[in-house]
Amino acid sequence: MPLELAREAREKSAVTYIDRAVRCQLSAHNEGEHFGLLTDADAYGTALWLRWRGSDEAELVVLPDCPVAAPGPDGDGCRLFVDHTAQHT
């Protein structure tokens, strides 16, 4: 993660530390966009993500949480974002 984006992420969130070693959270894929979760955003139901394609195109994006939950009254929710192209996690 570029240092300037790590600084910007700290400014946009309440956390004081953002890990610069971000991994894509989507299912295995070789091409296309990659998304790494950084932290929850200030607004409920949203999170700050790093989106990148290749090694020199990265940006911060705030995305709404995926609304899918596991079956049952205590089912965990998907930890990705709305409209992700991977399996729910």
C-alpha atoms as a PDB file:
ATOM      1  CA  MET A   1       0.000   0.000   0.000  1.00  0.00           C
ATOM      2  CA  PRO A   2       1.481   3.363  -0.944  1.00  0.00           C
ATOM      3  CA  LEU A   3       2.533   5.449   2.068  1.00  0.00           C
ATOM      4  CA  GLU A   4       0.439   8.460   1.000  1.00  0.00           C
ATOM      5  CA  LEU A   5      -2.699   6.286   0.866  1.00  0.00           C
ATOM      6  CA  ALA A   6      -1.939   4.893   4.336  1.00  0.00           C
ATOM      7  CA  ARG A   7      -1.748   8.459   5.659  1.00  0.00           C
ATOM      8  CA  GLU A   8      -5.017   9.375   3.933  1.00  0.00           C
ATOM      9  CA  ALA A   9      -6.695   6.253   5.367  1.00  0.00           C
ATOM     10  CA  ARG A  10      -5.638   7.226   8.914  1.00  0.00           C
ATOM     11  CA  GLU A  11      -7.129  10.689   8.371  1.00  0.00           C
ATOM     12  CA  LYS A  12     -10.435   9.205   7.170  1.00  0.00           C
ATOM     13  CA  SER A  13     -10.871   6.800  10.082  1.00  0.00           C
ATOM     14  CA  ALA A  14     -10.691   6.739  13.855  1.00  0.00           C
ATOM     15  CA  VAL A  15      -7.866   4.183  13.914  1.00  0.00           C
ATOM     16  CA  THR A  16      -4.308   5.340  14.433  1.00  0.00           C
ATOM     17  CA  TYR A  17      -2.615   2.488  12.564  1.00  0.00           C
ATOM     18  CA  ILE A  18      -3.294   1.156   9.064  1.00  0.00           C
ATOM     19  CA  ASP A  19      -1.370  -1.947   8.013  1.00  0.00           C
ATOM     20  CA  ARG A  20       0.369  -1.316   4.688  1.00  0.00           C
ATOM     21  CA  ALA A  21       0.467  -5.054   3.874  1.00  0.00           C
ATOM     22  CA  VAL A  22      -3.036  -5.382   2.416  1.00  0.00           C
ATOM     23  CA  ARG A  23      -4.293  -8.620   0.842  1.00  0.00           C
ATOM     24  CA  CYS A  24      -7.212  -9.009  -1.549  1.00  0.00           C
ATOM     25  CA  GLN A  25     -10.315 -10.328   0.245  1.00  0.00           C
ATOM     26  CA  LEU A  26     -12.009 -11.709  -2.871  1.00  0.00           C
ATOM     27  CA  SER A  27     -11.947 -15.361  -3.947  1.00  0.00           C
ATOM     28  CA  ALA A  28      -8.930 -16.488  -5.943  1.00  0.00           C
ATOM     29  CA  HIS A  29      -8.560 -14.556  -9.197  1.00  0.00           C
ATOM     30  CA  ASN A  30      -5.674 -13.408 -11.355  1.00  0.00           C
ATOM     31  CA  GLU A  31      -7.073 -10.385 -13.159  1.00  0.00           C
ATOM     32  CA  GLY A  32      -9.388  -7.482 -12.491  1.00  0.00           C
ATOM     33  CA  GLU A  33      -9.776  -5.316  -9.447  1.00  0.00           C
ATOM     34  CA  HIS A  34      -8.550  -6.348  -6.008  1.00  0.00           C
ATOM     35  CA  PHE A  35     -10.039  -5.164  -2.701  1.00  0.00           C
ATOM     36  CA  GLY A  36      -8.415  -5.169   0.739  1.00  0.00           C
ATOM     37  CA  LEU A  37     -10.319  -4.198   3.882  1.00  0.00           C
ATOM     38  CA  LEU A  38      -8.642  -1.421   5.879  1.00  0.00           C
ATOM     39  CA  THR A  39     -11.128  -0.466   8.619  1.00  0.00           C
ATOM     40  CA  ASP A  40     -14.754   0.336   9.344  1.00  0.00           C
ATOM     41  CA  ALA A  41     -15.782   3.763   8.110  1.00  0.00           C
ATOM     42  CA  ASP A  42     -17.434   6.407  10.260  1.00  0.00           C
ATOM     43  CA  ALA A  43     -20.887   5.702   8.826  1.00  0.00           C
ATOM     44  CA  TYR A  44     -22.684   2.571  10.077  1.00  0.00           C
ATOM     45  CA  GLY A  45     -22.693  -0.251   7.533  1.00  0.00           C
ATOM     46  CA  THR A  46     -19.713   1.002   5.520  1.00  0.00           C
ATOM     47  CA  ALA A  47     -16.013   0.263   5.463  1.00  0.00           C
ATOM     48  CA  LEU A  48     -12.836   1.791   4.060  1.00  0.00           C
ATOM     49  CA  TRP A  49     -11.240  -0.437   1.400  1.00  0.00           C
ATOM     50  CA  LEU A  50      -8.124  -0.254  -0.732  1.00  0.00           C
ATOM     51  CA  ARG A  51      -8.928  -0.975  -4.391  1.00  0.00           C
ATOM     52  CA  TRP A  52      -6.153  -1.705  -6.861  1.00  0.00           C
ATOM     53  CA  ARG A  53      -5.436  -3.056 -10.319  1.00  0.00           C
ATOM     54  CA  GLY A  54      -1.825  -3.885 -11.027  1.00  0.00           C
ATOM     55  CA  SER A  55       1.034  -2.549  -8.949  1.00  0.00           C
ATOM     56  CA  ASP A  56       0.667   1.184  -9.599  1.00  0.00           C
ATOM     57  CA  GLU A  57      -3.084   1.880  -9.549  1.00  0.00           C
ATOM     58  CA  ALA A  58      -4.509   2.081  -6.011  1.00  0.00           C
ATOM     59  CA  GLU A  59      -7.195   4.186  -4.351  1.00  0.00           C
ATOM     60  CA  LEU A  60      -9.241   4.359  -1.169  1.00  0.00           C
ATOM     61  CA  VAL A  61     -12.967   3.667  -1.477  1.00  0.00           C
ATOM     62  CA  VAL A  62     -15.795   3.640   1.062  1.00  0.00           C
ATOM     63  CA  LEU A  63     -18.158   0.760   0.285  1.00  0.00           C
ATOM     64  CA  PRO A  64     -21.400  -0.360   1.928  1.00  0.00           C
ATOM     65  CA  ASP A  65     -21.354  -3.723   3.700  1.00  0.00           C
ATOM     66  CA  CYS A  66     -22.789  -6.776   1.946  1.00  0.00           C
ATOM     67  CA  PRO A  67     -26.280  -7.427   3.397  1.00  0.00           C
ATOM     68  CA  VAL A  68     -26.182 -11.244   2.991  1.00  0.00           C
ATOM     69  CA  ALA A  69     -26.274 -13.208   6.235  1.00  0.00           C
ATOM     70  CA  ALA A  70     -25.948 -16.905   6.999  1.00  0.00           C
ATOM     71  CA  PRO A  71     -29.203 -18.763   7.690  1.00  0.00           C
ATOM     72  CA  GLY A  72     -30.609 -18.880  11.184  1.00  0.00           C
ATOM     73  CA  PRO A  73     -31.353 -16.223  13.785  1.00  0.00           C
ATOM     74  CA  ASP A  74     -27.683 -15.810  14.724  1.00  0.00           C
ATOM     75  CA  GLY A  75     -26.210 -16.078  11.210  1.00  0.00           C
ATOM     76  CA  ASP A  76     -23.013 -14.149  10.618  1.00  0.00           C
ATOM     77  CA  GLY A  77     -23.079 -11.561   7.867  1.00  0.00           C
ATOM     78  CA  CYS A  78     -20.860 -11.522   4.805  1.00  0.00           C
ATOM     79  CA  ARG A  79     -17.727  -9.507   5.547  1.00  0.00           C
ATOM     80  CA  LEU A  80     -17.343  -8.148   2.021  1.00  0.00           C
ATOM     81  CA  PHE A  81     -19.073  -5.221   0.326  1.00  0.00           C
ATOM     82  CA  VAL A  82     -22.235  -4.859  -1.746  1.00  0.00           C
ATOM     83  CA  ASP A  83     -21.920  -6.080  -5.347  1.00  0.00           C
ATOM     84  CA  HIS A  84     -18.734  -8.071  -4.800  1.00  0.00           C
ATOM     85  CA  THR A  85     -18.020 -10.659  -7.485  1.00  0.00           C
ATOM     86  CA  ALA A  86     -16.718 -13.348  -5.127  1.00  0.00           C
ATOM     87  CA  GLN A  87     -18.427 -15.886  -2.919  1.00  0.00           C
ATOM     88  CA  HIS A  88     -19.773 -14.526   0.350  1.00  0.00           C
ATOM     89  CA  THR A  89     -17.346 -14.772   3.210  1.00  0.00           C
END
